[in-house]
Amino acid sequence: MIERIYPAGSPIPRGPYSPAVRAGDFIFVAGQGPIDPKVNDFSYGDIQHETRLTLNNIRLILEAAGATMTDVVKCSVFLRDGRDFGAMNEVYAEFFGENKPARTTVEAKFANPLMKVEIDCIAYKPRS
């Protein structure tokens, strides 16, 4: 069974995609960026601000799907500037601590040239 998830209180997609899709016991979270869900608009700042906001959005989406950050098995991190890796990584570690998922981090050019980071993930949470 496939379920498309549109959590209340999370950023509204800006394109033809679902914020998350549950397929069986896996939850696929679409790429999230530094969008403040309270105003549903971008909130630019330094890489740590944008990373924290992005990961908070992922957490909101996972919670709506019945999962937590500890259920994340894989993340992909996209950085506008690879030199931001260290500062991004500090915030990233705050969210995952000892429950480190597999991860890929790459430097990328974004359609929105002001964004510094985008993160997507896959979580595994068996249905009860």
N, C-alpha and C. Protein backbone atom coordinates (compact mmCIF):
# COMPACT_ATOMS: atom_id res chain seq x y z
N MET A 1 0.83 -1.18 0.00
CA MET A 1 0.00 0.00 0.00
C MET A 1 0.88 1.25 0.00
N ILE A 2 0.50 2.21 -0.82
CA ILE A 2 1.22 3.47 -0.88
C ILE A 2 0.32 4.58 -0.37
N GLU A 3 0.87 5.41 0.51
CA GLU A 3 0.12 6.50 1.13
C GLU A 3 0.91 7.80 0.94
N ARG A 4 0.27 8.81 0.40
CA ARG A 4 0.89 10.12 0.27
C ARG A 4 0.56 10.94 1.51
N ILE A 5 1.58 11.59 2.07
CA ILE A 5 1.43 12.26 3.36
C ILE A 5 1.60 13.77 3.17
N TYR A 6 0.58 14.52 3.59
CA TYR A 6 0.57 15.98 3.55
C TYR A 6 0.31 16.49 4.97
N PRO A 7 1.35 16.57 5.79
CA PRO A 7 1.14 16.92 7.20
C PRO A 7 0.71 18.37 7.40
N ALA A 8 -0.25 18.55 8.28
CA ALA A 8 -0.64 19.90 8.70
C ALA A 8 0.54 20.54 9.41
N GLY A 9 0.75 21.82 9.16
CA GLY A 9 1.82 22.54 9.85
C GLY A 9 3.19 22.41 9.23
N SER A 10 3.30 21.65 8.14
CA SER A 10 4.60 21.54 7.47
C SER A 10 4.55 22.38 6.19
N PRO A 11 5.71 22.68 5.61
CA PRO A 11 5.71 23.51 4.40
C PRO A 11 4.86 22.90 3.28
N ILE A 12 4.16 23.75 2.58
CA ILE A 12 3.34 23.31 1.45
C ILE A 12 4.25 23.13 0.25
N PRO A 13 4.16 22.00 -0.45
CA PRO A 13 5.04 21.77 -1.61
C PRO A 13 4.91 22.88 -2.64
N ARG A 14 6.03 23.21 -3.26
CA ARG A 14 6.06 24.24 -4.28
C ARG A 14 6.06 23.65 -5.69
N GLY A 15 5.75 22.38 -5.77
CA GLY A 15 5.73 21.72 -7.06
C GLY A 15 4.85 20.49 -7.00
N PRO A 16 4.84 19.71 -8.07
CA PRO A 16 3.99 18.52 -8.15
C PRO A 16 4.62 17.31 -7.46
N TYR A 17 4.69 17.36 -6.14
CA TYR A 17 5.23 16.25 -5.36
C TYR A 17 4.57 16.20 -4.00
N SER A 18 4.69 15.06 -3.35
CA SER A 18 4.19 14.87 -1.98
C SER A 18 5.31 15.14 -1.00
N PRO A 19 5.03 15.76 0.15
CA PRO A 19 6.07 15.95 1.15
C PRO A 19 6.68 14.62 1.60
N ALA A 20 5.84 13.58 1.67
CA ALA A 20 6.33 12.25 2.04
C ALA A 20 5.42 11.20 1.44
N VAL A 21 5.99 10.04 1.22
CA VAL A 21 5.23 8.90 0.72
C VAL A 21 5.62 7.69 1.56
N ARG A 22 4.61 7.02 2.10
CA ARG A 22 4.85 5.77 2.82
C ARG A 22 4.57 4.64 1.84
N ALA A 23 5.56 3.77 1.70
CA ALA A 23 5.42 2.57 0.87
C ALA A 23 5.78 1.39 1.76
N GLY A 24 4.75 0.69 2.23
CA GLY A 24 5.00 -0.39 3.17
C GLY A 24 5.52 0.17 4.48
N ASP A 25 6.68 -0.31 4.90
CA ASP A 25 7.28 0.14 6.16
C ASP A 25 8.29 1.27 5.97
N PHE A 26 8.44 1.75 4.73
CA PHE A 26 9.39 2.83 4.45
C PHE A 26 8.66 4.14 4.23
N ILE A 27 9.28 5.23 4.70
CA ILE A 27 8.77 6.58 4.52
C ILE A 27 9.82 7.37 3.76
N PHE A 28 9.45 7.88 2.61
CA PHE A 28 10.35 8.66 1.77
C PHE A 28 9.96 10.13 1.91
N VAL A 29 10.86 10.93 2.47
CA VAL A 29 10.60 12.35 2.66
C VAL A 29 11.26 13.12 1.52
N ALA A 30 10.45 13.92 0.82
CA ALA A 30 10.96 14.73 -0.29
C ALA A 30 11.98 15.74 0.22
N GLY A 31 12.79 16.22 -0.69
CA GLY A 31 13.78 17.23 -0.33
C GLY A 31 13.14 18.43 0.34
N GLN A 32 13.68 18.79 1.48
CA GLN A 32 13.18 19.93 2.25
C GLN A 32 14.25 21.00 2.28
N GLY A 33 13.80 22.24 2.30
CA GLY A 33 14.72 23.37 2.37
C GLY A 33 14.35 24.27 3.54
N PRO A 34 14.98 25.43 3.59
CA PRO A 34 14.78 26.34 4.72
C PRO A 34 13.49 27.14 4.61
N ILE A 35 12.38 26.44 4.74
CA ILE A 35 11.08 27.10 4.68
C ILE A 35 10.50 27.15 6.10
N ASP A 36 10.11 28.35 6.50
CA ASP A 36 9.46 28.52 7.80
C ASP A 36 8.00 28.14 7.63
N PRO A 37 7.57 27.02 8.24
CA PRO A 37 6.19 26.57 8.02
C PRO A 37 5.13 27.51 8.60
N LYS A 38 5.52 28.38 9.52
CA LYS A 38 4.54 29.32 10.10
C LYS A 38 4.07 30.33 9.07
N VAL A 39 4.95 30.71 8.15
CA VAL A 39 4.59 31.69 7.12
C VAL A 39 4.65 31.07 5.72
N ASN A 40 5.05 29.81 5.65
CA ASN A 40 5.18 29.06 4.40
C ASN A 40 6.02 29.83 3.37
N ASP A 41 7.17 30.33 3.84
CA ASP A 41 8.08 31.03 2.95
C ASP A 41 9.51 30.74 3.38
N PHE A 42 10.43 30.98 2.48
CA PHE A 42 11.84 30.74 2.78
C PHE A 42 12.31 31.64 3.91
N SER A 43 13.22 31.11 4.71
CA SER A 43 13.87 31.87 5.77
C SER A 43 15.37 31.67 5.59
N TYR A 44 15.98 32.62 4.90
CA TYR A 44 17.40 32.50 4.60
C TYR A 44 18.24 32.98 5.78
N GLY A 45 19.42 32.45 5.88
CA GLY A 45 20.36 32.83 6.92
C GLY A 45 21.65 32.07 6.70
N ASP A 46 22.43 31.94 7.76
CA ASP A 46 23.66 31.17 7.60
C ASP A 46 23.32 29.69 7.47
N ILE A 47 24.30 28.88 7.15
CA ILE A 47 24.06 27.46 6.90
C ILE A 47 23.48 26.76 8.11
N GLN A 48 23.86 27.17 9.31
CA GLN A 48 23.32 26.52 10.50
C GLN A 48 21.84 26.83 10.67
N HIS A 49 21.46 28.06 10.44
CA HIS A 49 20.04 28.43 10.51
C HIS A 49 19.23 27.62 9.50
N GLU A 50 19.71 27.58 8.26
CA GLU A 50 18.98 26.89 7.21
C GLU A 50 18.93 25.37 7.44
N THR A 51 20.02 24.81 7.95
CA THR A 51 20.05 23.37 8.23
C THR A 51 19.08 23.03 9.36
N ARG A 52 19.07 23.83 10.40
CA ARG A 52 18.17 23.59 11.53
C ARG A 52 16.70 23.65 11.09
N LEU A 53 16.36 24.64 10.31
CA LEU A 53 15.00 24.79 9.82
C LEU A 53 14.62 23.61 8.92
N THR A 54 15.53 23.22 8.05
CA THR A 54 15.29 22.10 7.13
C THR A 54 15.07 20.80 7.90
N LEU A 55 15.91 20.53 8.88
CA LEU A 55 15.76 19.29 9.67
C LEU A 55 14.53 19.33 10.57
N ASN A 56 14.16 20.50 11.05
CA ASN A 56 12.90 20.61 11.80
C ASN A 56 11.71 20.28 10.91
N ASN A 57 11.76 20.71 9.65
CA ASN A 57 10.68 20.38 8.72
C ASN A 57 10.62 18.88 8.47
N ILE A 58 11.77 18.25 8.33
CA ILE A 58 11.80 16.80 8.16
C ILE A 58 11.22 16.11 9.39
N ARG A 59 11.57 16.59 10.56
CA ARG A 59 11.04 16.00 11.80
C ARG A 59 9.51 16.11 11.85
N LEU A 60 8.96 17.27 11.48
CA LEU A 60 7.50 17.45 11.45
C LEU A 60 6.83 16.46 10.50
N ILE A 61 7.41 16.27 9.35
CA ILE A 61 6.84 15.36 8.36
C ILE A 61 6.92 13.93 8.86
N LEU A 62 8.06 13.53 9.42
CA LEU A 62 8.20 12.18 9.96
C LEU A 62 7.20 11.92 11.08
N GLU A 63 7.04 12.89 11.97
CA GLU A 63 6.10 12.72 13.08
C GLU A 63 4.68 12.52 12.57
N ALA A 64 4.32 13.24 11.51
CA ALA A 64 2.98 13.07 10.94
C ALA A 64 2.80 11.68 10.34
N ALA A 65 3.91 11.06 9.96
CA ALA A 65 3.86 9.70 9.41
C ALA A 65 4.05 8.64 10.50
N GLY A 66 4.12 9.07 11.76
CA GLY A 66 4.28 8.13 12.87
C GLY A 66 5.70 7.68 13.11
N ALA A 67 6.67 8.46 12.64
CA ALA A 67 8.09 8.09 12.80
C ALA A 67 8.84 9.22 13.51
N THR A 68 10.09 8.96 13.82
CA THR A 68 10.96 9.96 14.44
C THR A 68 12.29 10.00 13.70
N MET A 69 13.14 10.90 14.10
CA MET A 69 14.47 11.00 13.49
C MET A 69 15.28 9.71 13.71
N THR A 70 15.00 8.99 14.78
CA THR A 70 15.75 7.75 15.03
C THR A 70 15.39 6.65 14.04
N ASP A 71 14.29 6.83 13.30
CA ASP A 71 13.87 5.86 12.29
C ASP A 71 14.51 6.12 10.92
N VAL A 72 15.23 7.22 10.79
CA VAL A 72 15.84 7.57 9.51
C VAL A 72 17.01 6.64 9.22
N VAL A 73 17.00 6.04 8.03
CA VAL A 73 18.07 5.11 7.65
C VAL A 73 19.01 5.71 6.61
N LYS A 74 18.56 6.75 5.90
CA LYS A 74 19.39 7.35 4.84
C LYS A 74 19.01 8.80 4.64
N CYS A 75 20.01 9.67 4.53
CA CYS A 75 19.81 11.07 4.19
C CYS A 75 20.68 11.43 2.99
N SER A 76 20.17 12.34 2.21
CA SER A 76 20.97 12.98 1.16
C SER A 76 20.97 14.46 1.47
N VAL A 77 22.17 15.03 1.57
CA VAL A 77 22.34 16.45 1.89
C VAL A 77 22.94 17.13 0.66
N PHE A 78 22.31 18.21 0.26
CA PHE A 78 22.77 18.98 -0.89
C PHE A 78 23.15 20.37 -0.39
N LEU A 79 24.39 20.78 -0.63
CA LEU A 79 24.90 22.07 -0.19
C LEU A 79 25.22 22.95 -1.39
N ARG A 80 24.83 24.21 -1.31
CA ARG A 80 25.19 25.14 -2.38
C ARG A 80 26.70 25.34 -2.41
N ASP A 81 27.32 25.35 -1.23
CA ASP A 81 28.76 25.59 -1.11
C ASP A 81 29.36 24.51 -0.22
N GLY A 82 30.20 23.68 -0.78
CA GLY A 82 30.82 22.59 -0.03
C GLY A 82 31.61 23.06 1.18
N ARG A 83 32.02 24.32 1.20
CA ARG A 83 32.76 24.85 2.36
C ARG A 83 31.86 24.97 3.59
N ASP A 84 30.55 24.84 3.41
CA ASP A 84 29.60 24.89 4.53
C ASP A 84 29.46 23.53 5.23
N PHE A 85 30.18 22.53 4.75
CA PHE A 85 30.01 21.18 5.27
C PHE A 85 30.19 21.11 6.80
N GLY A 86 31.24 21.66 7.34
CA GLY A 86 31.52 21.57 8.78
C GLY A 86 30.42 22.18 9.62
N ALA A 87 29.98 23.37 9.25
CA ALA A 87 28.93 24.05 10.02
C ALA A 87 27.60 23.33 9.90
N MET A 88 27.29 22.82 8.70
CA MET A 88 26.07 22.03 8.51
C MET A 88 26.14 20.78 9.38
N ASN A 89 27.30 20.13 9.37
CA ASN A 89 27.47 18.88 10.09
C ASN A 89 27.26 19.03 11.59
N GLU A 90 27.62 20.18 12.15
CA GLU A 90 27.41 20.43 13.58
C GLU A 90 25.92 20.37 13.92
N VAL A 91 25.10 21.03 13.11
CA VAL A 91 23.65 21.04 13.35
C VAL A 91 23.07 19.66 13.07
N TYR A 92 23.51 19.05 11.99
CA TYR A 92 23.04 17.71 11.63
C TYR A 92 23.25 16.74 12.80
N ALA A 93 24.40 16.81 13.43
CA ALA A 93 24.71 15.92 14.57
C ALA A 93 23.76 16.16 15.73
N GLU A 94 23.29 17.38 15.93
CA GLU A 94 22.33 17.67 17.00
C GLU A 94 21.03 16.89 16.80
N PHE A 95 20.63 16.68 15.57
CA PHE A 95 19.37 16.02 15.26
C PHE A 95 19.48 14.50 15.29
N PHE A 96 20.67 13.97 15.02
CA PHE A 96 20.79 12.52 14.93
C PHE A 96 21.61 11.90 16.05
N GLY A 97 22.49 12.64 16.69
CA GLY A 97 23.27 12.11 17.81
C GLY A 97 23.87 10.76 17.51
N GLU A 98 23.56 9.77 18.34
CA GLU A 98 24.11 8.42 18.18
C GLU A 98 23.38 7.61 17.12
N ASN A 99 22.21 8.06 16.70
CA ASN A 99 21.40 7.34 15.71
C ASN A 99 21.71 7.85 14.31
N LYS A 100 22.94 7.60 13.89
CA LYS A 100 23.41 8.14 12.62
C LYS A 100 22.92 7.32 11.43
N PRO A 101 22.15 7.95 10.52
CA PRO A 101 21.75 7.23 9.31
C PRO A 101 22.91 7.24 8.30
N ALA A 102 22.81 6.41 7.29
CA ALA A 102 23.73 6.50 6.17
C ALA A 102 23.49 7.87 5.52
N ARG A 103 24.54 8.41 4.87
CA ARG A 103 24.37 9.76 4.32
C ARG A 103 25.25 9.97 3.10
N THR A 104 24.73 10.75 2.19
CA THR A 104 25.50 11.27 1.06
C THR A 104 25.41 12.78 1.15
N THR A 105 26.53 13.46 0.94
CA THR A 105 26.54 14.92 0.92
C THR A 105 27.24 15.37 -0.36
N VAL A 106 26.57 16.22 -1.11
CA VAL A 106 27.14 16.72 -2.35
C VAL A 106 26.92 18.22 -2.47
N GLU A 107 27.78 18.85 -3.24
CA GLU A 107 27.61 20.25 -3.58
C GLU A 107 26.69 20.30 -4.80
N ALA A 108 25.72 21.22 -4.79
CA ALA A 108 24.72 21.25 -5.85
C ALA A 108 24.33 22.69 -6.19
N LYS A 109 23.83 22.85 -7.39
CA LYS A 109 23.27 24.12 -7.81
C LYS A 109 21.76 24.00 -7.68
N PHE A 110 21.13 24.93 -6.98
CA PHE A 110 19.69 24.87 -6.73
C PHE A 110 18.91 25.74 -7.72
N ALA A 111 17.67 25.36 -7.97
CA ALA A 111 16.77 26.20 -8.77
C ALA A 111 16.57 27.54 -8.08
N ASN A 112 16.52 27.52 -6.73
CA ASN A 112 16.44 28.75 -5.95
C ASN A 112 17.88 29.10 -5.55
N PRO A 113 18.49 30.08 -6.16
CA PRO A 113 19.91 30.37 -5.92
C PRO A 113 20.23 30.92 -4.52
N LEU A 114 19.21 31.28 -3.73
CA LEU A 114 19.45 31.80 -2.38
C LEU A 114 19.55 30.69 -1.33
N MET A 115 18.99 29.52 -1.64
CA MET A 115 19.05 28.39 -0.69
C MET A 115 20.47 27.91 -0.52
N LYS A 116 20.80 27.52 0.71
CA LYS A 116 22.12 26.98 1.00
C LYS A 116 22.10 25.46 1.18
N VAL A 117 20.92 24.88 1.50
CA VAL A 117 20.86 23.45 1.82
C VAL A 117 19.49 22.87 1.46
N GLU A 118 19.52 21.62 1.07
CA GLU A 118 18.30 20.83 0.88
C GLU A 118 18.64 19.42 1.37
N ILE A 119 17.70 18.81 2.07
CA ILE A 119 17.91 17.47 2.63
C ILE A 119 16.68 16.62 2.38
N ASP A 120 16.90 15.38 1.93
CA ASP A 120 15.80 14.41 1.87
C ASP A 120 16.20 13.20 2.69
N CYS A 121 15.25 12.32 2.97
CA CYS A 121 15.59 11.14 3.76
C CYS A 121 14.64 10.00 3.52
N ILE A 122 15.06 8.84 3.97
CA ILE A 122 14.24 7.62 3.97
C ILE A 122 14.24 7.10 5.40
N ALA A 123 13.05 6.81 5.90
CA ALA A 123 12.92 6.25 7.25
C ALA A 123 12.27 4.87 7.14
N TYR A 124 12.56 4.04 8.12
CA TYR A 124 11.96 2.71 8.20
C TYR A 124 11.18 2.63 9.50
N LYS A 125 9.86 2.50 9.40
CA LYS A 125 9.01 2.43 10.58
C LYS A 125 7.89 1.43 10.29
N PRO A 126 8.04 0.18 10.78
CA PRO A 126 6.97 -0.80 10.55
C PRO A 126 5.66 -0.32 11.13
N ARG A 127 4.58 -0.61 10.42
CA ARG A 127 3.25 -0.26 10.92
C ARG A 127 2.93 -1.15 12.10
N SER A 128 2.25 -0.57 13.06
CA SER A 128 1.90 -1.33 14.27
C SER A 128 0.72 -2.22 14.02
